[in-house]
Amino acid sequence: MADLDKVKRNIGRMVDQSAPEADIDEYLRSEGVSLDQIRARQRDGMCSTDHVAVNQEIQIHSARLEF
């Protein structure tokens, strides 16, 4: 199983560097992680990284996936 804290930290770095959404999506796929897994871990309070930009990015990705 992927280290979700590490994945979230790395996404935070990607967001800080203005990485394209496609790059973030590809990174998630390469780690075998879905946004649902990160959201669930975040919701349960188990994710130690509290990066505002990452949380916003997850919400944006989630909204796009729902359409």
N, C-alpha and C. Protein backbone atom coordinates (compact mmCIF):
# COMPACT_ATOMS: atom_id res chain seq x y z
N MET A 1 0.84 -1.18 0.00
CA MET A 1 0.00 0.00 0.00
C MET A 1 0.89 1.24 0.00
N ALA A 2 0.45 2.24 -0.72
CA ALA A 2 1.21 3.48 -0.84
C ALA A 2 1.21 4.26 0.47
N ASP A 3 2.25 5.02 0.67
CA ASP A 3 2.37 5.90 1.83
C ASP A 3 1.58 7.17 1.51
N LEU A 4 0.36 7.25 2.00
CA LEU A 4 -0.53 8.36 1.65
C LEU A 4 -0.01 9.71 2.14
N ASP A 5 0.68 9.72 3.28
CA ASP A 5 1.26 10.98 3.75
C ASP A 5 2.31 11.48 2.76
N LYS A 6 3.15 10.56 2.27
CA LYS A 6 4.18 10.93 1.30
C LYS A 6 3.55 11.43 0.01
N VAL A 7 2.52 10.73 -0.45
CA VAL A 7 1.84 11.11 -1.69
C VAL A 7 1.25 12.51 -1.54
N LYS A 8 0.61 12.77 -0.41
CA LYS A 8 0.01 14.08 -0.21
C LYS A 8 1.08 15.17 -0.14
N ARG A 9 2.20 14.90 0.52
CA ARG A 9 3.30 15.87 0.55
C ARG A 9 3.81 16.17 -0.86
N ASN A 10 3.98 15.10 -1.64
CA ASN A 10 4.48 15.28 -3.00
C ASN A 10 3.49 16.06 -3.86
N ILE A 11 2.22 15.81 -3.69
CA ILE A 11 1.21 16.58 -4.43
C ILE A 11 1.30 18.04 -4.01
N GLY A 12 1.52 18.29 -2.73
CA GLY A 12 1.67 19.65 -2.24
C GLY A 12 2.82 20.37 -2.94
N ARG A 13 3.92 19.66 -3.09
CA ARG A 13 5.07 20.24 -3.78
C ARG A 13 4.74 20.52 -5.25
N MET A 14 4.01 19.59 -5.86
CA MET A 14 3.64 19.77 -7.26
C MET A 14 2.72 20.99 -7.41
N VAL A 15 1.77 21.14 -6.50
CA VAL A 15 0.85 22.27 -6.54
C VAL A 15 1.62 23.57 -6.34
N ASP A 16 2.54 23.58 -5.38
CA ASP A 16 3.35 24.77 -5.12
C ASP A 16 4.15 25.19 -6.35
N GLN A 17 4.54 24.22 -7.17
CA GLN A 17 5.33 24.50 -8.37
C GLN A 17 4.45 24.67 -9.61
N SER A 18 3.14 24.75 -9.38
CA SER A 18 2.17 24.95 -10.47
C SER A 18 2.21 23.84 -11.52
N ALA A 19 2.35 22.62 -11.06
CA ALA A 19 2.36 21.48 -11.98
C ALA A 19 1.00 21.37 -12.66
N PRO A 20 0.98 20.98 -13.92
CA PRO A 20 -0.29 20.78 -14.62
C PRO A 20 -1.10 19.66 -13.96
N GLU A 21 -2.40 19.78 -14.06
CA GLU A 21 -3.31 18.79 -13.48
C GLU A 21 -3.00 17.39 -14.01
N ALA A 22 -2.66 17.30 -15.29
CA ALA A 22 -2.35 15.99 -15.88
C ALA A 22 -1.14 15.34 -15.21
N ASP A 23 -0.16 16.15 -14.82
CA ASP A 23 1.02 15.61 -14.13
C ASP A 23 0.64 15.07 -12.75
N ILE A 24 -0.23 15.78 -12.07
CA ILE A 24 -0.68 15.32 -10.75
C ILE A 24 -1.47 14.03 -10.89
N ASP A 25 -2.35 13.98 -11.88
CA ASP A 25 -3.12 12.76 -12.12
C ASP A 25 -2.20 11.58 -12.43
N GLU A 26 -1.19 11.81 -13.26
CA GLU A 26 -0.25 10.76 -13.62
C GLU A 26 0.54 10.29 -12.39
N TYR A 27 0.93 11.24 -11.55
CA TYR A 27 1.64 10.87 -10.32
C TYR A 27 0.76 9.98 -9.44
N LEU A 28 -0.49 10.37 -9.27
CA LEU A 28 -1.41 9.54 -8.47
C LEU A 28 -1.52 8.13 -9.04
N ARG A 29 -1.66 8.04 -10.36
CA ARG A 29 -1.75 6.71 -11.00
C ARG A 29 -0.47 5.92 -10.78
N SER A 30 0.68 6.59 -10.89
CA SER A 30 1.96 5.88 -10.74
C SER A 30 2.14 5.34 -9.32
N GLU A 31 1.54 6.02 -8.36
CA GLU A 31 1.63 5.56 -6.96
C GLU A 31 0.51 4.58 -6.62
N GLY A 32 -0.44 4.41 -7.54
CA GLY A 32 -1.55 3.50 -7.29
C GLY A 32 -2.51 4.02 -6.24
N VAL A 33 -2.67 5.34 -6.22
CA VAL A 33 -3.50 6.00 -5.22
C VAL A 33 -4.63 6.74 -5.92
N SER A 34 -5.80 6.72 -5.32
CA SER A 34 -6.92 7.49 -5.86
C SER A 34 -7.20 8.68 -4.95
N LEU A 35 -7.89 9.65 -5.49
CA LEU A 35 -8.29 10.79 -4.67
C LEU A 35 -9.21 10.34 -3.55
N ASP A 36 -10.02 9.33 -3.81
CA ASP A 36 -10.91 8.81 -2.77
C ASP A 36 -10.12 8.30 -1.56
N GLN A 37 -9.00 7.64 -1.82
CA GLN A 37 -8.17 7.14 -0.72
C GLN A 37 -7.59 8.30 0.10
N ILE A 38 -7.12 9.31 -0.58
CA ILE A 38 -6.56 10.46 0.14
C ILE A 38 -7.65 11.19 0.91
N ARG A 39 -8.81 11.38 0.26
CA ARG A 39 -9.93 12.04 0.95
C ARG A 39 -10.37 11.25 2.18
N ALA A 40 -10.46 9.94 2.05
CA ALA A 40 -10.90 9.11 3.17
C ALA A 40 -9.91 9.22 4.33
N ARG A 41 -8.65 9.16 4.02
CA ARG A 41 -7.63 9.26 5.07
C ARG A 41 -7.65 10.64 5.71
N GLN A 42 -7.86 11.66 4.89
CA GLN A 42 -7.94 13.03 5.39
C GLN A 42 -9.17 13.18 6.28
N ARG A 43 -10.28 12.66 5.82
CA ARG A 43 -11.55 12.75 6.55
C ARG A 43 -11.44 12.06 7.91
N ASP A 44 -10.71 10.95 7.95
CA ASP A 44 -10.53 10.21 9.19
C ASP A 44 -9.49 10.84 10.10
N GLY A 45 -8.86 11.92 9.61
CA GLY A 45 -7.86 12.60 10.41
C GLY A 45 -6.56 11.84 10.51
N MET A 46 -6.30 10.94 9.56
CA MET A 46 -5.11 10.11 9.64
C MET A 46 -3.96 10.65 8.82
N CYS A 47 -4.20 11.65 8.00
CA CYS A 47 -3.16 12.19 7.15
C CYS A 47 -2.47 13.32 7.90
N SER A 48 -1.18 13.22 8.09
CA SER A 48 -0.47 14.20 8.92
C SER A 48 -0.20 15.51 8.20
N THR A 49 -0.21 15.49 6.90
CA THR A 49 0.09 16.71 6.15
C THR A 49 -1.18 17.54 6.02
N ASP A 50 -1.11 18.77 6.46
CA ASP A 50 -2.26 19.67 6.34
C ASP A 50 -1.86 20.81 5.42
N HIS A 51 -1.85 20.55 4.16
CA HIS A 51 -1.41 21.51 3.16
C HIS A 51 -2.65 22.07 2.48
N VAL A 52 -2.92 23.34 2.71
CA VAL A 52 -4.14 23.96 2.21
C VAL A 52 -4.27 23.82 0.69
N ALA A 53 -3.19 24.05 -0.03
CA ALA A 53 -3.25 23.96 -1.50
C ALA A 53 -3.58 22.54 -1.94
N VAL A 54 -3.03 21.55 -1.26
CA VAL A 54 -3.34 20.16 -1.62
C VAL A 54 -4.80 19.87 -1.35
N ASN A 55 -5.30 20.32 -0.22
CA ASN A 55 -6.71 20.08 0.10
C ASN A 55 -7.60 20.72 -0.95
N GLN A 56 -7.25 21.92 -1.40
CA GLN A 56 -8.03 22.58 -2.45
C GLN A 56 -7.93 21.82 -3.76
N GLU A 57 -6.74 21.35 -4.08
CA GLU A 57 -6.55 20.59 -5.33
C GLU A 57 -7.38 19.31 -5.31
N ILE A 58 -7.42 18.65 -4.18
CA ILE A 58 -8.23 17.43 -4.05
C ILE A 58 -9.70 17.76 -4.27
N GLN A 59 -10.16 18.86 -3.72
CA GLN A 59 -11.55 19.26 -3.91
C GLN A 59 -11.84 19.58 -5.37
N ILE A 60 -10.92 20.25 -6.04
CA ILE A 60 -11.10 20.58 -7.46
C ILE A 60 -11.14 19.31 -8.30
N HIS A 61 -10.19 18.40 -8.06
CA HIS A 61 -10.16 17.14 -8.80
C HIS A 61 -11.45 16.36 -8.54
N SER A 62 -11.89 16.34 -7.30
CA SER A 62 -13.09 15.59 -6.95
C SER A 62 -14.30 16.14 -7.69
N ALA A 63 -14.41 17.46 -7.74
CA ALA A 63 -15.54 18.08 -8.43
C ALA A 63 -15.53 17.73 -9.91
N ARG A 64 -14.35 17.70 -10.51
CA ARG A 64 -14.26 17.38 -11.93
C ARG A 64 -14.61 15.93 -12.19
N LEU A 65 -14.25 15.04 -11.27
CA LEU A 65 -14.54 13.62 -11.45
C LEU A 65 -16.02 13.31 -11.30
N GLU A 66 -16.73 14.15 -10.57
CA GLU A 66 -18.15 13.91 -10.35
C GLU A 66 -18.99 14.23 -11.57
N PHE A 67 -18.44 14.98 -12.52
CA PHE A 67 -19.19 15.35 -13.73
C PHE A 67 -19.08 14.31 -14.78
